[in-house]
C-alpha atoms as a PDB file:
ATOM      1  CA  MET A   1       0.000   0.000   0.000  1.00  0.00           C
ATOM      2  CA  VAL A   2       1.217   3.465  -0.832  1.00  0.00           C
ATOM      3  CA  GLU A   3       1.952   5.777   2.072  1.00  0.00           C
ATOM      4  CA  ARG A   4       0.316   9.175   2.054  1.00  0.00           C
ATOM      5  CA  PRO A   5       2.661  12.135   1.834  1.00  0.00           C
ATOM      6  CA  THR A   6       1.145  13.455   5.068  1.00  0.00           C
ATOM      7  CA  THR A   7       2.367  10.346   6.906  1.00  0.00           C
ATOM      8  CA  SER A   8       5.907  10.997   5.733  1.00  0.00           C
ATOM      9  CA  TRP A   9       5.638  14.687   6.599  1.00  0.00           C
ATOM     10  CA  ARG A  10       4.383  13.895  10.114  1.00  0.00           C
ATOM     11  CA  LYS A  11       7.264  11.443  10.630  1.00  0.00           C
ATOM     12  CA  GLY A  12       9.703  14.142   9.530  1.00  0.00           C
ATOM     13  CA  ILE A  13       8.176  16.659  11.923  1.00  0.00           C
ATOM     14  CA  ALA A  14       8.403  14.168  14.808  1.00  0.00           C
ATOM     15  CA  GLU A  15      12.002  13.244  13.953  1.00  0.00           C
ATOM     16  CA  GLU A  16      12.970  16.883  13.756  1.00  0.00           C
ATOM     17  CA  ALA A  17      11.307  17.572  17.129  1.00  0.00           C
ATOM     18  CA  LYS A  18      13.336  14.742  18.708  1.00  0.00           C
ATOM     19  CA  GLU A  19      16.540  16.129  17.254  1.00  0.00           C
ATOM     20  CA  LEU A  20      15.709  19.606  18.524  1.00  0.00           C
ATOM     21  CA  ALA A  21      14.945  18.225  22.005  1.00  0.00           C
ATOM     22  CA  ALA A  22      18.255  16.354  22.005  1.00  0.00           C
ATOM     23  CA  SER A  23      20.090  19.479  20.806  1.00  0.00           C
ATOM     24  CA  SER A  24      21.429  17.512  17.844  1.00  0.00           C
ATOM     25  CA  LEU A  25      19.765  19.875  15.367  1.00  0.00           C
ATOM     26  CA  ASP A  26      20.354  23.587  15.202  1.00  0.00           C
ATOM     27  CA  PRO A  27      16.981  25.358  15.572  1.00  0.00           C
ATOM     28  CA  ASP A  28      17.893  27.529  12.589  1.00  0.00           C
ATOM     29  CA  CYS A  29      18.004  24.365  10.469  1.00  0.00           C
ATOM     30  CA  ALA A  30      14.597  23.074  11.562  1.00  0.00           C
ATOM     31  CA  SER A  31      12.017  23.552   8.826  1.00  0.00           C
ATOM     32  CA  MET A  32       9.529  20.675   8.794  1.00  0.00           C
ATOM     33  CA  ALA A  33       6.899  22.205  11.078  1.00  0.00           C
ATOM     34  CA  GLY A  34       7.025  25.444   9.105  1.00  0.00           C
ATOM     35  CA  LEU A  35       6.780  23.712   5.747  1.00  0.00           C
ATOM     36  CA  PHE A  36       3.976  21.377   6.815  1.00  0.00           C
ATOM     37  CA  PRO A  37       1.726  23.083   9.389  1.00  0.00           C
ATOM     38  CA  GLU A  38      -1.098  21.024  10.883  1.00  0.00           C
ATOM     39  CA  ALA A  39      -3.726  22.950   8.882  1.00  0.00           C
ATOM     40  CA  LEU A  40      -2.010  21.881   5.641  1.00  0.00           C
ATOM     41  CA  LEU A  41      -1.747  18.274   6.814  1.00  0.00           C
ATOM     42  CA  MET A  42      -5.428  18.153   7.751  1.00  0.00           C
ATOM     43  CA  ALA A  43      -6.536  19.758   4.478  1.00  0.00           C
ATOM     44  CA  THR A  44      -4.366  17.383   2.442  1.00  0.00           C
ATOM     45  CA  ASP A  45      -5.755  14.378   4.314  1.00  0.00           C
ATOM     46  CA  ALA A  46      -9.311  15.611   3.703  1.00  0.00           C
ATOM     47  CA  VAL A  47      -8.677  15.839  -0.048  1.00  0.00           C
ATOM     48  CA  LEU A  48      -7.083  12.394  -0.092  1.00  0.00           C
ATOM     49  CA  ASP A  49      -9.990  10.955   1.925  1.00  0.00           C
ATOM     50  CA  THR A  50     -12.450  12.294  -0.652  1.00  0.00           C
ATOM     51  CA  PHE A  51     -10.363  10.935  -3.509  1.00  0.00           C
ATOM     52  CA  GLU A  52     -10.131   7.488  -1.887  1.00  0.00           C
ATOM     53  CA  ASP A  53     -13.880   7.455  -1.174  1.00  0.00           C
ATOM     54  CA  GLU A  54     -14.729   8.287  -4.801  1.00  0.00           C
ATOM     55  CA  LEU A  55     -12.087   6.087  -6.421  1.00  0.00           C
ATOM     56  CA  PRO A  56     -14.200   2.890  -6.577  1.00  0.00           C
ATOM     57  CA  THR A  57     -16.895   4.690  -8.569  1.00  0.00           C
ATOM     58  CA  LEU A  58     -14.425   5.497 -11.355  1.00  0.00           C
ATOM     59  CA  ALA A  59     -14.287   1.866 -12.452  1.00  0.00           C
ATOM     60  CA  GLU A  60     -18.038   1.935 -13.127  1.00  0.00           C
ATOM     61  CA  ALA A  61     -18.164   5.311 -14.867  1.00  0.00           C
ATOM     62  CA  ASP A  62     -17.605   6.247 -18.489  1.00  0.00           C
ATOM     63  CA  ASP A  63     -15.219   9.048 -19.450  1.00  0.00           C
ATOM     64  CA  ALA A  64     -17.914  11.731 -19.522  1.00  0.00           C
ATOM     65  CA  GLN A  65     -19.027  10.872 -15.990  1.00  0.00           C
ATOM     66  CA  VAL A  66     -15.474  10.871 -14.688  1.00  0.00           C
ATOM     67  CA  LEU A  67     -14.719  14.256 -16.212  1.00  0.00           C
ATOM     68  CA  ARG A  68     -18.015  15.712 -14.985  1.00  0.00           C
ATOM     69  CA  CYS A  69     -17.442  14.418 -11.435  1.00  0.00           C
ATOM     70  CA  SER A  70     -13.854  15.612 -11.346  1.00  0.00           C
ATOM     71  CA  GLY A  71     -14.897  19.138 -12.249  1.00  0.00           C
ATOM     72  CA  ALA A  72     -12.661  19.019 -15.312  1.00  0.00           C
ATOM     73  CA  ARG A  73     -13.393  21.695 -17.875  1.00  0.00           C
ATOM     74  CA  ARG A  74     -12.626  21.716 -21.523  1.00  0.00           C
ATOM     75  CA  LEU A  75      -9.718  23.894 -22.470  1.00  0.00           C
ATOM     76  CA  GLY A  76     -10.085  26.209 -25.379  1.00  0.00           C
ATOM     77  CA  PRO A  77      -7.523  26.129 -28.203  1.00  0.00           C
ATOM     78  CA  GLU A  78      -5.668  29.039 -26.628  1.00  0.00           C
ATOM     79  CA  ARG A  79      -5.045  27.007 -23.434  1.00  0.00           C
ATOM     80  CA  ARG A  80      -3.943  23.752 -25.043  1.00  0.00           C
ATOM     81  CA  ASN A  81      -0.273  22.954 -25.416  1.00  0.00           C
END
């Protein structure tokens, strides 16, 4: 099973906190908590939860239904590359 990025980010935050507590990491070098605040982690998990909940329905849907459900919009010729 694939690990969510938020799991890895939380592990990094915890590891960094341990290193800071042990004085083995200079506080000026600590960045994980600033890069991945709890609000970002929670919002990312919420999006991934929704994606995982809707994923089984994709196997039953045709392309038009998938695109409609995903909120995908057609790009005009000026936006296509």
